Amino acid sequence: MAHSLVPSDRVEGTPVHGRNGEKLGTIERLMLNKTSGTVAYAVVKSGGLLAAHHHYPLPWDTLRYNAARHCYDVDLTLEELRSGPSEFDDTFDWGDRSLAETRPHYWGL
């Protein structure tokens, strides 16, 4: 039986593809709002092998699950994703929204 619920560990590692079908990265983690219990955004890990990994936050409501391809689609290109906020330091506090005044946001969270 198909249903709309999915465990978070099955979302982590799922590919994310951009508007032109290009793979942008994979979902590394979900950031949850402790009060409402909703997913605020996904952290997408991009790069690898010979390039450094970068982490990009994407609002959860911008991702659409593509059941045929078993991935999430987003209406961005790789260049647009790279132009947004990014951190590659694993100690970065993704819950700290105080950086909103100093960093450009294409995603309006």
N, C-alpha and C. Protein backbone atom coordinates (compact mmCIF):
# COMPACT_ATOMS: atom_id res chain seq x y z
N MET A 1 0.84 -1.18 0.00
CA MET A 1 0.00 0.00 0.00
C MET A 1 0.89 1.24 0.00
N ALA A 2 0.67 2.13 -0.95
CA ALA A 2 1.43 3.38 -1.02
C ALA A 2 0.78 4.42 -0.14
N HIS A 3 1.61 5.18 0.56
CA HIS A 3 1.10 6.28 1.38
C HIS A 3 2.10 7.43 1.33
N SER A 4 1.75 8.56 1.92
CA SER A 4 2.58 9.76 1.79
C SER A 4 3.63 9.89 2.89
N LEU A 5 3.62 9.03 3.90
CA LEU A 5 4.62 9.14 4.97
C LEU A 5 5.89 8.38 4.61
N VAL A 6 7.03 8.93 5.04
CA VAL A 6 8.31 8.29 4.80
C VAL A 6 9.21 8.56 6.00
N PRO A 7 9.95 7.56 6.47
CA PRO A 7 10.88 7.80 7.57
C PRO A 7 12.03 8.71 7.12
N SER A 8 12.50 9.54 8.04
CA SER A 8 13.55 10.51 7.68
C SER A 8 14.82 9.83 7.18
N ASP A 9 15.15 8.66 7.70
CA ASP A 9 16.37 7.99 7.25
C ASP A 9 16.27 7.51 5.81
N ARG A 10 15.06 7.41 5.27
CA ARG A 10 14.90 7.04 3.86
C ARG A 10 14.96 8.26 2.96
N VAL A 11 14.77 9.45 3.53
CA VAL A 11 14.89 10.69 2.76
C VAL A 11 16.37 11.05 2.62
N GLU A 12 17.13 10.86 3.70
CA GLU A 12 18.56 11.17 3.68
C GLU A 12 19.25 10.30 2.63
N GLY A 13 20.03 10.93 1.78
CA GLY A 13 20.73 10.22 0.71
C GLY A 13 19.96 10.22 -0.61
N THR A 14 18.74 10.72 -0.61
CA THR A 14 17.94 10.75 -1.83
C THR A 14 18.47 11.84 -2.76
N PRO A 15 18.63 11.55 -4.04
CA PRO A 15 19.11 12.56 -4.99
C PRO A 15 18.14 13.73 -5.14
N VAL A 16 18.72 14.90 -5.45
CA VAL A 16 17.95 16.11 -5.76
C VAL A 16 18.37 16.54 -7.16
N HIS A 17 17.38 16.72 -8.03
CA HIS A 17 17.63 17.13 -9.42
C HIS A 17 17.06 18.52 -9.67
N GLY A 18 17.76 19.29 -10.48
CA GLY A 18 17.35 20.65 -10.82
C GLY A 18 16.38 20.68 -11.98
N ARG A 19 16.02 21.91 -12.36
CA ARG A 19 14.98 22.09 -13.38
C ARG A 19 15.36 21.49 -14.72
N ASN A 20 16.66 21.40 -15.02
CA ASN A 20 17.08 20.82 -16.29
C ASN A 20 17.41 19.32 -16.18
N GLY A 21 17.05 18.70 -15.05
CA GLY A 21 17.29 17.28 -14.87
C GLY A 21 18.65 16.93 -14.31
N GLU A 22 19.52 17.93 -14.17
CA GLU A 22 20.87 17.70 -13.65
C GLU A 22 20.82 17.38 -12.16
N LYS A 23 21.62 16.41 -11.75
CA LYS A 23 21.70 16.08 -10.32
C LYS A 23 22.45 17.19 -9.60
N LEU A 24 21.79 17.78 -8.59
CA LEU A 24 22.39 18.86 -7.82
C LEU A 24 23.12 18.34 -6.59
N GLY A 25 22.68 17.21 -6.07
CA GLY A 25 23.29 16.65 -4.87
C GLY A 25 22.35 15.64 -4.25
N THR A 26 22.55 15.39 -2.95
CA THR A 26 21.69 14.48 -2.20
C THR A 26 21.28 15.14 -0.90
N ILE A 27 20.15 14.71 -0.38
CA ILE A 27 19.69 15.24 0.90
C ILE A 27 20.54 14.62 2.00
N GLU A 28 21.19 15.47 2.77
CA GLU A 28 22.02 14.98 3.86
C GLU A 28 21.25 14.92 5.17
N ARG A 29 20.42 15.93 5.42
CA ARG A 29 19.63 15.93 6.65
C ARG A 29 18.42 16.82 6.48
N LEU A 30 17.47 16.63 7.37
CA LEU A 30 16.28 17.48 7.42
C LEU A 30 16.34 18.32 8.68
N MET A 31 15.94 19.57 8.58
CA MET A 31 15.88 20.45 9.74
C MET A 31 14.41 20.60 10.11
N LEU A 32 14.07 20.20 11.33
CA LEU A 32 12.70 20.19 11.81
C LEU A 32 12.44 21.35 12.74
N ASN A 33 11.25 21.90 12.65
CA ASN A 33 10.81 22.91 13.60
C ASN A 33 10.34 22.19 14.85
N LYS A 34 11.02 22.40 15.98
CA LYS A 34 10.70 21.67 17.21
C LYS A 34 9.29 21.97 17.71
N THR A 35 8.80 23.17 17.47
CA THR A 35 7.49 23.55 17.98
C THR A 35 6.36 22.99 17.14
N SER A 36 6.45 23.16 15.82
CA SER A 36 5.35 22.72 14.95
C SER A 36 5.49 21.27 14.51
N GLY A 37 6.73 20.74 14.55
CA GLY A 37 6.96 19.38 14.11
C GLY A 37 7.07 19.23 12.60
N THR A 38 7.11 20.34 11.89
CA THR A 38 7.19 20.27 10.43
C THR A 38 8.64 20.37 9.97
N VAL A 39 8.88 19.90 8.75
CA VAL A 39 10.21 20.03 8.15
C VAL A 39 10.35 21.46 7.65
N ALA A 40 11.37 22.15 8.11
CA ALA A 40 11.61 23.51 7.66
C ALA A 40 12.39 23.51 6.35
N TYR A 41 13.51 22.78 6.33
CA TYR A 41 14.29 22.70 5.10
C TYR A 41 15.15 21.46 5.10
N ALA A 42 15.63 21.15 3.91
CA ALA A 42 16.56 20.03 3.72
C ALA A 42 17.94 20.61 3.47
N VAL A 43 18.95 19.97 3.99
CA VAL A 43 20.33 20.33 3.69
C VAL A 43 20.80 19.41 2.57
N VAL A 44 21.13 20.01 1.44
CA VAL A 44 21.56 19.25 0.27
C VAL A 44 23.08 19.29 0.19
N LYS A 45 23.69 18.11 0.11
CA LYS A 45 25.14 17.99 -0.03
C LYS A 45 25.45 17.89 -1.51
N SER A 46 26.34 18.75 -1.98
CA SER A 46 26.70 18.79 -3.39
C SER A 46 28.21 18.75 -3.53
N GLY A 47 28.67 18.21 -4.63
CA GLY A 47 30.11 18.12 -4.87
C GLY A 47 30.60 16.74 -4.49
N GLY A 48 31.89 16.62 -4.34
CA GLY A 48 32.46 15.36 -3.93
C GLY A 48 33.55 14.90 -4.87
N LEU A 49 34.01 13.70 -4.64
CA LEU A 49 35.13 13.10 -5.36
C LEU A 49 36.33 14.05 -5.36
N LEU A 50 36.53 14.80 -6.42
CA LEU A 50 37.68 15.70 -6.49
C LEU A 50 37.38 17.10 -5.95
N ALA A 51 36.11 17.43 -5.83
CA ALA A 51 35.72 18.75 -5.33
C ALA A 51 35.29 18.64 -3.87
N ALA A 52 35.39 19.74 -3.14
CA ALA A 52 34.94 19.75 -1.75
C ALA A 52 33.41 19.68 -1.71
N HIS A 53 32.88 19.07 -0.66
CA HIS A 53 31.44 19.06 -0.46
C HIS A 53 30.97 20.42 0.02
N HIS A 54 29.83 20.83 -0.47
CA HIS A 54 29.18 22.04 0.02
C HIS A 54 27.78 21.67 0.44
N HIS A 55 27.25 22.37 1.42
CA HIS A 55 25.91 22.11 1.94
C HIS A 55 25.04 23.32 1.68
N TYR A 56 23.86 23.07 1.12
CA TYR A 56 22.94 24.13 0.76
C TYR A 56 21.58 23.87 1.39
N PRO A 57 21.01 24.85 2.07
CA PRO A 57 19.66 24.67 2.61
C PRO A 57 18.62 24.93 1.52
N LEU A 58 17.63 24.05 1.42
CA LEU A 58 16.52 24.25 0.50
C LEU A 58 15.22 24.12 1.28
N PRO A 59 14.34 25.11 1.19
CA PRO A 59 13.06 25.00 1.89
C PRO A 59 12.34 23.72 1.47
N TRP A 60 11.80 23.02 2.43
CA TRP A 60 11.15 21.74 2.17
C TRP A 60 10.04 21.87 1.14
N ASP A 61 9.29 22.97 1.18
CA ASP A 61 8.16 23.10 0.26
C ASP A 61 8.58 23.39 -1.17
N THR A 62 9.88 23.57 -1.43
CA THR A 62 10.34 23.74 -2.82
C THR A 62 10.70 22.41 -3.47
N LEU A 63 10.82 21.35 -2.66
CA LEU A 63 11.17 20.03 -3.17
C LEU A 63 9.91 19.24 -3.49
N ARG A 64 9.89 18.61 -4.66
CA ARG A 64 8.76 17.77 -5.07
C ARG A 64 9.29 16.36 -5.32
N TYR A 65 8.65 15.39 -4.67
CA TYR A 65 9.11 14.01 -4.85
C TYR A 65 8.69 13.50 -6.22
N ASN A 66 9.63 12.91 -6.94
CA ASN A 66 9.41 12.34 -8.26
C ASN A 66 9.43 10.82 -8.09
N ALA A 67 8.25 10.22 -7.99
CA ALA A 67 8.14 8.78 -7.72
C ALA A 67 8.74 7.94 -8.85
N ALA A 68 8.64 8.40 -10.07
CA ALA A 68 9.17 7.63 -11.21
C ALA A 68 10.69 7.55 -11.17
N ARG A 69 11.34 8.61 -10.71
CA ARG A 69 12.80 8.66 -10.69
C ARG A 69 13.38 8.44 -9.28
N HIS A 70 12.53 8.34 -8.28
CA HIS A 70 12.97 8.14 -6.89
C HIS A 70 13.95 9.23 -6.47
N CYS A 71 13.55 10.48 -6.73
CA CYS A 71 14.39 11.62 -6.38
C CYS A 71 13.48 12.79 -6.03
N TYR A 72 14.08 13.87 -5.57
CA TYR A 72 13.35 15.12 -5.37
C TYR A 72 13.75 16.07 -6.48
N ASP A 73 12.77 16.78 -7.02
CA ASP A 73 13.01 17.79 -8.05
C ASP A 73 12.83 19.17 -7.42
N VAL A 74 13.64 20.11 -7.87
CA VAL A 74 13.55 21.49 -7.41
C VAL A 74 13.72 22.39 -8.63
N ASP A 75 13.05 23.53 -8.62
CA ASP A 75 13.08 24.45 -9.76
C ASP A 75 14.27 25.39 -9.66
N LEU A 76 15.48 24.82 -9.64
CA LEU A 76 16.73 25.57 -9.59
C LEU A 76 17.74 24.92 -10.53
N THR A 77 18.69 25.69 -10.97
CA THR A 77 19.85 25.14 -11.66
C THR A 77 20.99 25.01 -10.65
N LEU A 78 22.04 24.32 -11.03
CA LEU A 78 23.20 24.19 -10.14
C LEU A 78 23.79 25.56 -9.84
N GLU A 79 23.83 26.44 -10.82
CA GLU A 79 24.37 27.78 -10.62
C GLU A 79 23.53 28.57 -9.62
N GLU A 80 22.20 28.44 -9.71
CA GLU A 80 21.32 29.13 -8.77
C GLU A 80 21.49 28.57 -7.35
N LEU A 81 21.62 27.25 -7.25
CA LEU A 81 21.85 26.64 -5.95
C LEU A 81 23.15 27.16 -5.34
N ARG A 82 24.20 27.19 -6.14
CA ARG A 82 25.51 27.65 -5.67
C ARG A 82 25.53 29.12 -5.30
N SER A 83 24.60 29.91 -5.84
CA SER A 83 24.56 31.34 -5.53
C SER A 83 23.90 31.62 -4.19
N GLY A 84 23.27 30.63 -3.60
CA GLY A 84 22.59 30.80 -2.32
C GLY A 84 23.51 30.50 -1.15
N PRO A 85 22.95 30.47 0.05
CA PRO A 85 23.76 30.20 1.23
C PRO A 85 24.37 28.81 1.17
N SER A 86 25.60 28.71 1.66
CA SER A 86 26.31 27.43 1.64
C SER A 86 27.31 27.41 2.78
N GLU A 87 27.47 26.26 3.35
CA GLU A 87 28.52 26.05 4.34
C GLU A 87 29.07 24.65 4.14
N PHE A 88 30.34 24.49 4.31
CA PHE A 88 30.94 23.18 4.17
C PHE A 88 31.58 22.72 5.48
N ASP A 89 31.45 23.52 6.52
CA ASP A 89 31.97 23.17 7.84
C ASP A 89 30.89 22.43 8.61
N ASP A 90 31.16 21.19 9.01
CA ASP A 90 30.16 20.37 9.70
C ASP A 90 29.72 20.95 11.04
N THR A 91 30.46 21.94 11.57
CA THR A 91 30.07 22.53 12.85
C THR A 91 29.14 23.73 12.67
N PHE A 92 28.84 24.11 11.43
CA PHE A 92 27.96 25.25 11.17
C PHE A 92 26.58 25.00 11.77
N ASP A 93 26.02 26.00 12.43
CA ASP A 93 24.71 25.89 13.08
C ASP A 93 23.62 26.22 12.07
N TRP A 94 23.05 25.18 11.44
CA TRP A 94 22.01 25.37 10.44
C TRP A 94 20.72 25.89 11.05
N GLY A 95 20.57 25.86 12.35
CA GLY A 95 19.38 26.37 13.02
C GLY A 95 19.48 27.84 13.35
N ASP A 96 20.65 28.44 13.17
CA ASP A 96 20.85 29.85 13.50
C ASP A 96 20.37 30.72 12.34
N ARG A 97 19.21 31.31 12.48
CA ARG A 97 18.66 32.14 11.41
C ARG A 97 19.12 33.58 11.54
N SER A 98 20.00 33.91 12.50
CA SER A 98 20.47 35.29 12.66
C SER A 98 21.35 35.72 11.49
N LEU A 99 21.82 34.78 10.71
CA LEU A 99 22.66 35.13 9.56
C LEU A 99 21.85 35.69 8.40
N ALA A 100 20.52 35.72 8.54
CA ALA A 100 19.66 36.18 7.45
C ALA A 100 19.98 37.61 7.03
N GLU A 101 20.43 38.44 7.98
CA GLU A 101 20.73 39.83 7.63
C GLU A 101 22.02 39.97 6.84
N THR A 102 22.94 39.02 6.98
CA THR A 102 24.25 39.16 6.36
C THR A 102 24.46 38.28 5.14
N ARG A 103 23.54 37.36 4.86
CA ARG A 103 23.72 36.45 3.74
C ARG A 103 22.53 36.56 2.79
N PRO A 104 22.77 36.55 1.49
CA PRO A 104 21.66 36.59 0.55
C PRO A 104 20.86 35.27 0.59
N HIS A 105 19.56 35.37 0.52
CA HIS A 105 18.73 34.18 0.53
C HIS A 105 17.84 34.18 -0.70
N TYR A 106 17.94 33.15 -1.48
CA TYR A 106 17.08 33.00 -2.64
C TYR A 106 15.85 32.21 -2.28
N TRP A 107 15.76 31.78 -1.04
CA TRP A 107 14.74 30.84 -0.65
C TRP A 107 13.76 31.35 0.38
N GLY A 108 13.92 32.53 0.90
CA GLY A 108 12.93 33.20 1.73
C GLY A 108 12.47 32.49 2.97
N LEU A 109 13.33 31.81 3.67
CA LEU A 109 12.93 31.13 4.90
C LEU A 109 12.90 32.10 6.06
